N, C-alpha and C. Protein backbone atom coordinates (compact mmCIF):
# COMPACT_ATOMS: atom_id res chain seq x y z
N UNK A 1 0.84 -1.18 0.00
CA UNK A 1 0.00 0.00 0.00
C UNK A 1 0.89 1.24 0.00
N UNK A 2 0.60 2.16 -0.90
CA UNK A 2 1.38 3.39 -0.98
C UNK A 2 0.86 4.42 0.00
N UNK A 3 1.81 5.22 0.53
CA UNK A 3 1.46 6.23 1.51
C UNK A 3 2.04 7.57 1.07
N UNK A 4 1.15 8.57 0.91
CA UNK A 4 1.55 9.92 0.55
C UNK A 4 1.63 10.75 1.83
N UNK A 5 2.78 11.36 2.03
CA UNK A 5 3.00 12.25 3.18
C UNK A 5 3.22 13.66 2.63
N UNK A 6 2.55 14.64 3.23
CA UNK A 6 2.77 16.04 2.89
C UNK A 6 3.44 16.70 4.09
N UNK A 7 4.43 17.55 3.80
CA UNK A 7 5.12 18.25 4.87
C UNK A 7 5.80 19.49 4.31
N UNK A 8 6.21 20.37 5.20
CA UNK A 8 6.94 21.57 4.79
C UNK A 8 8.37 21.21 4.42
N UNK A 9 8.95 22.02 3.54
CA UNK A 9 10.33 21.79 3.11
C UNK A 9 11.27 21.97 4.30
N UNK A 10 12.34 21.20 4.30
CA UNK A 10 13.42 21.35 5.26
C UNK A 10 14.69 21.64 4.46
N UNK A 11 15.64 22.26 5.09
CA UNK A 11 16.88 22.62 4.40
C UNK A 11 17.54 21.40 3.75
N UNK A 12 17.48 20.28 4.44
CA UNK A 12 18.12 19.05 3.93
C UNK A 12 17.43 18.50 2.68
N UNK A 13 16.23 18.99 2.36
CA UNK A 13 15.51 18.52 1.17
C UNK A 13 16.04 19.13 -0.13
N UNK A 14 16.72 20.25 -0.05
CA UNK A 14 17.08 21.01 -1.25
C UNK A 14 17.90 20.19 -2.24
N UNK A 15 18.90 19.48 -1.76
CA UNK A 15 19.75 18.66 -2.63
C UNK A 15 18.95 17.48 -3.20
N UNK A 16 18.11 16.87 -2.38
CA UNK A 16 17.29 15.73 -2.81
C UNK A 16 16.36 16.13 -3.96
N UNK A 17 15.72 17.28 -3.81
CA UNK A 17 14.79 17.77 -4.84
C UNK A 17 15.55 18.03 -6.13
N UNK A 18 16.68 18.71 -6.02
CA UNK A 18 17.51 19.00 -7.20
C UNK A 18 17.89 17.72 -7.93
N UNK A 19 18.35 16.72 -7.20
CA UNK A 19 18.78 15.47 -7.82
C UNK A 19 17.61 14.74 -8.47
N UNK A 20 16.44 14.78 -7.84
CA UNK A 20 15.26 14.10 -8.40
C UNK A 20 14.86 14.72 -9.73
N UNK A 21 14.89 16.04 -9.82
CA UNK A 21 14.52 16.68 -11.08
C UNK A 21 15.61 16.51 -12.13
N UNK A 22 16.88 16.54 -11.73
CA UNK A 22 17.96 16.28 -12.68
C UNK A 22 17.84 14.89 -13.28
N UNK A 23 17.42 13.91 -12.49
CA UNK A 23 17.28 12.53 -12.97
C UNK A 23 16.24 12.42 -14.07
N UNK A 24 15.27 13.34 -14.09
CA UNK A 24 14.28 13.29 -15.18
C UNK A 24 14.57 14.35 -16.24
N UNK A 25 15.75 14.97 -16.16
CA UNK A 25 16.18 15.90 -17.20
C UNK A 25 15.72 17.34 -17.04
N UNK A 26 15.27 17.70 -15.86
CA UNK A 26 14.84 19.08 -15.60
C UNK A 26 15.93 19.78 -14.82
N UNK A 27 16.29 20.96 -15.26
CA UNK A 27 17.35 21.73 -14.61
C UNK A 27 16.75 22.67 -13.56
N UNK A 28 16.71 22.21 -12.34
CA UNK A 28 16.22 23.01 -11.21
C UNK A 28 17.32 23.02 -10.17
N UNK A 29 17.86 24.20 -9.90
CA UNK A 29 19.06 24.30 -9.07
C UNK A 29 18.79 24.13 -7.58
N UNK A 30 19.81 23.70 -6.87
CA UNK A 30 19.76 23.62 -5.41
C UNK A 30 19.47 25.01 -4.85
N UNK A 31 20.06 26.04 -5.46
CA UNK A 31 19.88 27.42 -4.99
C UNK A 31 18.40 27.82 -5.00
N UNK A 32 17.64 27.35 -6.00
CA UNK A 32 16.21 27.65 -6.05
C UNK A 32 15.51 27.12 -4.80
N UNK A 33 15.84 25.92 -4.41
CA UNK A 33 15.18 25.32 -3.25
C UNK A 33 15.70 25.90 -1.93
N UNK A 34 16.96 26.32 -1.91
CA UNK A 34 17.47 27.03 -0.73
C UNK A 34 16.71 28.35 -0.57
N UNK A 35 16.43 29.02 -1.70
CA UNK A 35 15.66 30.26 -1.65
C UNK A 35 14.24 29.97 -1.17
N UNK A 36 13.64 28.89 -1.66
CA UNK A 36 12.30 28.51 -1.21
C UNK A 36 12.29 28.26 0.31
N UNK A 37 13.32 27.57 0.80
CA UNK A 37 13.41 27.33 2.23
C UNK A 37 13.48 28.67 2.99
N UNK A 38 14.25 29.61 2.47
CA UNK A 38 14.36 30.94 3.10
C UNK A 38 13.01 31.66 3.05
N UNK A 39 12.29 31.55 1.93
CA UNK A 39 10.95 32.16 1.83
C UNK A 39 10.02 31.58 2.90
N UNK A 40 10.11 30.28 3.09
CA UNK A 40 9.26 29.65 4.09
C UNK A 40 9.63 30.13 5.49
N UNK A 41 10.93 30.20 5.77
CA UNK A 41 11.40 30.64 7.08
C UNK A 41 10.94 32.07 7.37
N UNK A 42 10.86 32.92 6.34
CA UNK A 42 10.46 34.32 6.53
C UNK A 42 8.94 34.50 6.54
N UNK A 43 8.19 33.43 6.16
CA UNK A 43 6.73 33.52 6.10
C UNK A 43 6.21 34.05 4.78
N UNK A 44 7.10 34.30 3.82
CA UNK A 44 6.68 34.81 2.51
C UNK A 44 5.92 33.74 1.71
N UNK A 45 6.32 32.50 1.87
CA UNK A 45 5.67 31.38 1.17
C UNK A 45 5.60 30.17 2.10
N UNK A 46 4.66 29.28 1.76
CA UNK A 46 4.66 27.92 2.29
C UNK A 46 5.14 27.03 1.16
N UNK A 47 6.06 26.14 1.44
CA UNK A 47 6.53 25.17 0.46
C UNK A 47 6.12 23.80 0.97
N UNK A 48 5.21 23.16 0.25
CA UNK A 48 4.65 21.87 0.66
C UNK A 48 5.26 20.77 -0.20
N UNK A 49 5.91 19.82 0.43
CA UNK A 49 6.51 18.68 -0.26
C UNK A 49 5.62 17.46 -0.12
N UNK A 50 5.64 16.63 -1.15
CA UNK A 50 4.94 15.35 -1.11
C UNK A 50 5.98 14.23 -1.21
N UNK A 51 5.79 13.23 -0.38
CA UNK A 51 6.61 12.02 -0.44
C UNK A 51 5.69 10.83 -0.65
N UNK A 52 6.11 9.91 -1.48
CA UNK A 52 5.38 8.66 -1.69
C UNK A 52 6.28 7.53 -1.22
N UNK A 53 5.82 6.82 -0.21
CA UNK A 53 6.58 5.71 0.37
C UNK A 53 8.02 6.13 0.71
N UNK A 54 8.16 7.34 1.23
CA UNK A 54 9.47 7.83 1.66
C UNK A 54 10.32 8.49 0.60
N UNK A 55 9.84 8.55 -0.64
CA UNK A 55 10.59 9.17 -1.73
C UNK A 55 9.98 10.51 -2.11
N UNK A 56 10.83 11.52 -2.34
CA UNK A 56 10.35 12.81 -2.79
C UNK A 56 9.57 12.62 -4.09
N UNK A 57 8.36 13.19 -4.16
CA UNK A 57 7.51 13.01 -5.34
C UNK A 57 7.09 14.32 -5.99
N UNK A 58 7.06 15.42 -5.24
CA UNK A 58 6.64 16.69 -5.82
C UNK A 58 6.48 17.76 -4.76
N UNK A 59 6.10 18.94 -5.22
CA UNK A 59 5.92 20.06 -4.30
C UNK A 59 5.09 21.14 -4.96
N UNK A 60 4.66 22.08 -4.15
CA UNK A 60 4.12 23.34 -4.65
C UNK A 60 4.42 24.41 -3.62
N UNK A 61 4.31 25.66 -4.05
CA UNK A 61 4.51 26.76 -3.12
C UNK A 61 3.27 27.64 -3.11
N UNK A 62 3.00 28.23 -1.96
CA UNK A 62 1.94 29.22 -1.82
C UNK A 62 2.62 30.55 -1.57
N UNK A 63 2.43 31.47 -2.49
CA UNK A 63 2.97 32.82 -2.34
C UNK A 63 1.87 33.66 -1.71
N UNK A 64 2.08 34.05 -0.46
CA UNK A 64 1.03 34.71 0.30
C UNK A 64 0.71 36.10 -0.22
N UNK A 65 1.68 36.77 -0.83
CA UNK A 65 1.44 38.08 -1.45
C UNK A 65 1.88 37.97 -2.91
N UNK A 66 0.92 37.79 -3.80
CA UNK A 66 1.19 37.58 -5.22
C UNK A 66 1.82 38.82 -5.85
N UNK A 67 2.67 38.61 -6.86
CA UNK A 67 3.19 39.71 -7.67
C UNK A 67 2.15 40.17 -8.69
N UNK A 68 1.18 39.31 -8.97
CA UNK A 68 0.15 39.60 -9.96
C UNK A 68 -0.85 40.58 -9.35
N UNK A 69 -0.88 41.79 -9.88
CA UNK A 69 -1.65 42.89 -9.28
C UNK A 69 -3.12 42.57 -9.00
N UNK A 70 -3.86 41.94 -9.92
CA UNK A 70 -5.26 41.63 -9.60
C UNK A 70 -5.42 40.73 -8.37
N UNK A 71 -4.50 39.79 -8.15
CA UNK A 71 -4.54 38.96 -6.95
C UNK A 71 -4.09 39.78 -5.74
N UNK A 72 -3.03 40.53 -5.93
CA UNK A 72 -2.47 41.32 -4.82
C UNK A 72 -3.50 42.30 -4.28
N UNK A 73 -4.21 42.99 -5.18
CA UNK A 73 -5.20 43.99 -4.76
C UNK A 73 -6.31 43.39 -3.90
N UNK A 74 -6.64 42.12 -4.16
CA UNK A 74 -7.73 41.47 -3.44
C UNK A 74 -7.23 40.55 -2.32
N UNK A 75 -5.92 40.55 -2.09
CA UNK A 75 -5.35 39.72 -1.02
C UNK A 75 -5.47 38.23 -1.31
N UNK A 76 -5.40 37.85 -2.58
CA UNK A 76 -5.54 36.45 -2.97
C UNK A 76 -4.16 35.79 -3.04
N UNK A 77 -3.89 34.80 -2.18
CA UNK A 77 -2.63 34.06 -2.28
C UNK A 77 -2.57 33.30 -3.60
N UNK A 78 -1.35 33.08 -4.07
CA UNK A 78 -1.15 32.42 -5.37
C UNK A 78 -0.37 31.13 -5.21
N UNK A 79 -0.88 30.07 -5.80
CA UNK A 79 -0.16 28.80 -5.88
C UNK A 79 0.84 28.95 -7.02
N UNK A 80 2.12 28.76 -6.69
CA UNK A 80 3.20 29.01 -7.65
C UNK A 80 4.14 27.81 -7.67
N UNK A 81 4.62 27.48 -8.85
CA UNK A 81 5.64 26.44 -9.03
C UNK A 81 5.19 25.11 -8.44
N UNK A 82 4.26 24.49 -9.14
CA UNK A 82 3.66 23.21 -8.74
C UNK A 82 4.24 22.13 -9.65
N UNK A 83 4.94 21.17 -9.06
CA UNK A 83 5.60 20.12 -9.83
C UNK A 83 5.46 18.77 -9.15
N UNK A 84 5.11 17.77 -9.94
CA UNK A 84 5.14 16.38 -9.49
C UNK A 84 6.06 15.65 -10.46
N UNK A 85 7.01 14.90 -9.91
CA UNK A 85 7.92 14.13 -10.77
C UNK A 85 7.10 13.27 -11.73
N UNK A 86 7.57 13.16 -12.95
CA UNK A 86 6.83 12.43 -13.98
C UNK A 86 6.49 11.00 -13.57
N UNK A 87 7.40 10.34 -12.90
CA UNK A 87 7.14 8.93 -12.54
C UNK A 87 6.08 8.79 -11.44
N UNK A 88 5.73 9.91 -10.80
CA UNK A 88 4.72 9.88 -9.75
C UNK A 88 3.40 10.55 -10.16
N UNK A 89 3.32 10.96 -11.41
CA UNK A 89 2.09 11.61 -11.86
C UNK A 89 0.98 10.57 -12.02
N UNK A 90 -0.27 11.06 -11.91
CA UNK A 90 -1.48 10.23 -12.03
C UNK A 90 -1.61 9.23 -10.88
N UNK A 91 -1.07 9.63 -9.70
CA UNK A 91 -1.16 8.78 -8.52
C UNK A 91 -1.86 9.50 -7.37
N UNK A 92 -2.44 10.66 -7.65
CA UNK A 92 -3.16 11.42 -6.63
C UNK A 92 -2.31 12.40 -5.85
N UNK A 93 -1.02 12.49 -6.18
CA UNK A 93 -0.12 13.37 -5.44
C UNK A 93 -0.46 14.84 -5.69
N UNK A 94 -0.66 15.20 -6.94
CA UNK A 94 -1.03 16.58 -7.27
C UNK A 94 -2.32 16.99 -6.59
N UNK A 95 -3.28 16.10 -6.58
CA UNK A 95 -4.56 16.38 -5.92
C UNK A 95 -4.35 16.63 -4.43
N UNK A 96 -3.55 15.80 -3.78
CA UNK A 96 -3.30 15.98 -2.35
C UNK A 96 -2.57 17.30 -2.08
N UNK A 97 -1.60 17.63 -2.92
CA UNK A 97 -0.90 18.90 -2.75
C UNK A 97 -1.86 20.08 -2.89
N UNK A 98 -2.72 20.02 -3.91
CA UNK A 98 -3.69 21.11 -4.11
C UNK A 98 -4.69 21.18 -2.96
N UNK A 99 -5.14 20.02 -2.48
CA UNK A 99 -6.07 20.01 -1.33
C UNK A 99 -5.44 20.73 -0.14
N UNK A 100 -4.18 20.42 0.14
CA UNK A 100 -3.49 21.02 1.28
C UNK A 100 -3.29 22.52 1.06
N UNK A 101 -2.89 22.90 -0.14
CA UNK A 101 -2.70 24.32 -0.44
C UNK A 101 -4.00 25.09 -0.24
N UNK A 102 -5.10 24.56 -0.77
CA UNK A 102 -6.39 25.23 -0.65
C UNK A 102 -6.84 25.29 0.82
N UNK A 103 -6.55 24.26 1.59
CA UNK A 103 -6.89 24.26 3.01
C UNK A 103 -6.16 25.39 3.74
N UNK A 104 -4.87 25.54 3.43
CA UNK A 104 -4.08 26.59 4.07
C UNK A 104 -4.55 27.99 3.63
N UNK A 105 -4.80 28.13 2.35
CA UNK A 105 -5.22 29.43 1.82
C UNK A 105 -6.57 29.83 2.40
N UNK A 106 -7.48 28.88 2.55
CA UNK A 106 -8.82 29.16 3.07
C UNK A 106 -8.78 29.83 4.44
N UNK A 107 -7.73 29.62 5.19
CA UNK A 107 -7.60 30.24 6.51
C UNK A 107 -7.46 31.77 6.42
N UNK A 108 -7.01 32.28 5.26
CA UNK A 108 -6.77 33.72 5.13
C UNK A 108 -7.53 34.38 3.98
N UNK A 109 -8.12 33.57 3.07
CA UNK A 109 -8.78 34.13 1.90
C UNK A 109 -9.89 33.19 1.43
N UNK A 110 -10.93 33.78 0.87
CA UNK A 110 -12.00 32.97 0.28
C UNK A 110 -11.66 32.53 -1.14
N UNK A 111 -10.51 33.00 -1.66
CA UNK A 111 -10.11 32.68 -3.03
C UNK A 111 -8.67 32.22 -3.08
N UNK A 112 -8.38 31.34 -4.03
CA UNK A 112 -7.02 30.94 -4.37
C UNK A 112 -6.79 31.31 -5.83
N UNK A 113 -5.59 31.73 -6.14
CA UNK A 113 -5.24 32.06 -7.52
C UNK A 113 -4.04 31.26 -7.96
N UNK A 114 -3.86 31.18 -9.27
CA UNK A 114 -2.69 30.53 -9.84
C UNK A 114 -2.54 30.96 -11.29
N UNK A 115 -1.36 30.77 -11.80
CA UNK A 115 -1.09 30.99 -13.22
C UNK A 115 -0.45 29.73 -13.76
N UNK A 116 -0.83 29.33 -14.97
CA UNK A 116 -0.21 28.14 -15.54
C UNK A 116 0.35 28.44 -16.92
N UNK A 117 1.41 27.72 -17.26
CA UNK A 117 2.02 27.85 -18.58
C UNK A 117 1.07 27.38 -19.66
N UNK A 118 1.24 27.92 -20.85
CA UNK A 118 0.29 27.67 -21.94
C UNK A 118 0.77 26.63 -22.94
N UNK A 119 1.94 26.03 -22.71
CA UNK A 119 2.44 25.01 -23.63
C UNK A 119 2.03 23.61 -23.15
N UNK A 120 2.27 22.64 -24.00
CA UNK A 120 1.90 21.26 -23.71
C UNK A 120 2.59 20.73 -22.46
N UNK A 121 3.75 21.26 -22.13
CA UNK A 121 4.47 20.84 -20.92
C UNK A 121 3.61 20.96 -19.67
N UNK A 122 2.65 21.87 -19.70
CA UNK A 122 1.79 22.14 -18.55
C UNK A 122 0.43 21.44 -18.66
N UNK A 123 0.28 20.56 -19.63
CA UNK A 123 -1.01 19.93 -19.91
C UNK A 123 -1.64 19.23 -18.72
N UNK A 124 -0.87 18.44 -17.98
CA UNK A 124 -1.44 17.71 -16.84
C UNK A 124 -1.95 18.69 -15.78
N UNK A 125 -1.19 19.74 -15.52
CA UNK A 125 -1.62 20.74 -14.53
C UNK A 125 -2.86 21.49 -15.03
N UNK A 126 -2.88 21.84 -16.31
CA UNK A 126 -4.04 22.54 -16.87
C UNK A 126 -5.32 21.73 -16.65
N UNK A 127 -5.26 20.46 -16.93
CA UNK A 127 -6.43 19.58 -16.75
C UNK A 127 -6.82 19.52 -15.28
N UNK A 128 -5.84 19.37 -14.39
CA UNK A 128 -6.12 19.31 -12.96
C UNK A 128 -6.82 20.58 -12.49
N UNK A 129 -6.34 21.73 -12.91
CA UNK A 129 -6.94 23.00 -12.46
C UNK A 129 -8.39 23.12 -12.90
N UNK A 130 -8.68 22.76 -14.13
CA UNK A 130 -10.05 22.85 -14.60
C UNK A 130 -10.95 21.84 -13.89
N UNK A 131 -10.44 20.66 -13.62
CA UNK A 131 -11.22 19.67 -12.86
C UNK A 131 -11.49 20.13 -11.43
N UNK A 132 -10.64 20.99 -10.92
CA UNK A 132 -10.80 21.50 -9.55
C UNK A 132 -11.61 22.80 -9.54
N UNK A 133 -12.20 23.14 -10.67
CA UNK A 133 -13.09 24.31 -10.79
C UNK A 133 -12.39 25.66 -10.73
N UNK A 134 -11.15 25.73 -11.10
CA UNK A 134 -10.50 27.03 -11.28
C UNK A 134 -11.04 27.63 -12.57
N UNK A 135 -11.27 28.94 -12.53
CA UNK A 135 -11.86 29.66 -13.66
C UNK A 135 -10.92 30.78 -14.12
N UNK A 136 -10.94 31.11 -15.42
CA UNK A 136 -10.11 32.23 -15.89
C UNK A 136 -10.46 33.51 -15.14
N UNK A 137 -9.45 34.32 -14.89
CA UNK A 137 -9.70 35.59 -14.20
C UNK A 137 -10.12 36.69 -15.16
N UNK A 138 -10.14 36.39 -16.47
CA UNK A 138 -10.66 37.34 -17.46
C UNK A 138 -9.64 38.32 -18.00
N UNK A 139 -8.37 38.14 -17.70
CA UNK A 139 -7.36 39.09 -18.16
C UNK A 139 -6.51 38.56 -19.30
N UNK A 140 -6.83 37.37 -19.83
CA UNK A 140 -6.08 36.82 -20.96
C UNK A 140 -4.70 36.35 -20.56
N UNK A 141 -3.81 36.31 -21.54
CA UNK A 141 -2.44 35.86 -21.28
C UNK A 141 -1.67 36.94 -20.52
N UNK A 142 -0.78 36.47 -19.64
CA UNK A 142 -0.01 37.34 -18.76
C UNK A 142 1.49 37.06 -18.96
N UNK A 143 2.28 38.14 -18.97
CA UNK A 143 3.74 38.01 -18.97
C UNK A 143 4.28 38.91 -17.87
N UNK A 144 5.07 38.33 -16.98
CA UNK A 144 5.65 39.09 -15.87
C UNK A 144 4.59 39.88 -15.11
N UNK A 145 3.49 39.21 -14.82
CA UNK A 145 2.37 39.76 -14.03
C UNK A 145 1.60 40.88 -14.72
N UNK A 146 1.79 41.08 -16.03
CA UNK A 146 1.07 42.12 -16.78
C UNK A 146 0.33 41.48 -17.96
N UNK A 147 -0.88 41.97 -18.25
CA UNK A 147 -1.66 41.46 -19.38
C UNK A 147 -0.96 41.76 -20.69
N UNK A 148 -1.01 40.81 -21.60
CA UNK A 148 -0.48 41.00 -22.96
C UNK A 148 -1.56 41.71 -23.77
N UNK A 149 -1.16 42.73 -24.49
CA UNK A 149 -2.10 43.56 -25.24
C UNK A 149 -2.30 43.05 -26.66
N UNK A 150 -3.48 43.27 -27.22
CA UNK A 150 -3.80 42.90 -28.59
C UNK A 150 -2.76 43.50 -29.55
N UNK A 151 -2.20 42.69 -30.43
CA UNK A 151 -1.21 43.13 -31.39
C UNK A 151 0.22 43.05 -30.90
N UNK A 152 0.41 42.80 -29.62
CA UNK A 152 1.75 42.69 -29.05
C UNK A 152 2.41 41.40 -29.53
N UNK A 153 3.65 41.48 -29.96
CA UNK A 153 4.40 40.30 -30.38
C UNK A 153 5.05 39.67 -29.15
N UNK A 154 4.88 38.36 -29.03
CA UNK A 154 5.44 37.65 -27.89
C UNK A 154 6.11 36.36 -28.36
N UNK A 155 7.00 35.88 -27.57
CA UNK A 155 7.58 34.55 -27.75
C UNK A 155 7.05 33.70 -26.60
N UNK A 156 6.43 32.58 -26.94
CA UNK A 156 5.87 31.72 -25.91
C UNK A 156 7.00 31.02 -25.18
N UNK A 157 7.03 31.21 -23.88
CA UNK A 157 8.01 30.59 -23.01
C UNK A 157 7.37 30.36 -21.65
N UNK A 158 8.19 30.02 -20.67
CA UNK A 158 7.67 29.75 -19.33
C UNK A 158 7.13 31.01 -18.64
N UNK A 159 7.45 32.17 -19.19
CA UNK A 159 6.99 33.42 -18.58
C UNK A 159 5.59 33.83 -19.04
N UNK A 160 5.01 33.13 -20.00
CA UNK A 160 3.66 33.42 -20.48
C UNK A 160 2.70 32.48 -19.74
N UNK A 161 1.75 33.08 -19.01
CA UNK A 161 0.82 32.28 -18.22
C UNK A 161 -0.62 32.74 -18.43
N UNK A 162 -1.52 31.90 -18.02
CA UNK A 162 -2.95 32.16 -18.02
C UNK A 162 -3.37 32.04 -16.57
N UNK A 163 -4.00 33.09 -16.02
CA UNK A 163 -4.31 33.09 -14.59
C UNK A 163 -5.74 32.63 -14.32
N UNK A 164 -5.86 31.86 -13.26
CA UNK A 164 -7.14 31.29 -12.84
C UNK A 164 -7.39 31.64 -11.39
N UNK A 165 -8.66 31.56 -11.01
CA UNK A 165 -9.07 31.85 -9.64
C UNK A 165 -10.14 30.84 -9.24
N UNK A 166 -10.18 30.56 -7.95
CA UNK A 166 -11.21 29.63 -7.43
C UNK A 166 -11.75 30.15 -6.12
N UNK A 167 -13.07 30.14 -6.00
CA UNK A 167 -13.70 30.45 -4.71
C UNK A 167 -13.62 29.18 -3.86
N UNK A 168 -13.04 29.33 -2.68
CA UNK A 168 -12.86 28.17 -1.80
C UNK A 168 -14.06 27.96 -0.89
C-alpha cells in the first residue's frame, strides 16, 4: 500500500529535490530550493513537499502576497511552481498537494489564484486545475504579471501564463 506524506520543506531537502529533477532531465538548481526554504522561514511562502513511500515526489509553493496585481489587490494568495515528478504523476499526489494548499489558503482568503504555462508541458496541470473548478480571471495571457495587449508580439516561453481563480 502506498502512503503519501505532505510536509513543509526542510533545508536538507534542497539537494534531494535537485537530484530528483535532474534525474528526469529538468534543470532546477539547489539554490532555487534554498531560496524557497528561506521564503518559508520568513513567512513569505509555504513550500509543501509530497513524499510517496518515503521518496520525494513533488511540491508546490503558496505565495502569500502575489506579484500579480489583480490577486495582490484582493489579497488572494497564489499557488506558484507546482511540480510532481513524472514517474509519480497520475497517482493522486497533485490532488493531495492542491487540497493542502487550498486548506491553508482558506484560513486567510476565500479565493485561491494561480497561473499556468500555456504550452503542452503544462497539460497535466491545466487539466487538474479545470477539474478543480479554477476559472479564468478574465485578463487573458499574462507576462511578468502584466496582461499581454492585442497586437503585441510575444515569444511563448515559461513566462507566459494564463491566470485562474477559485472560490474556496
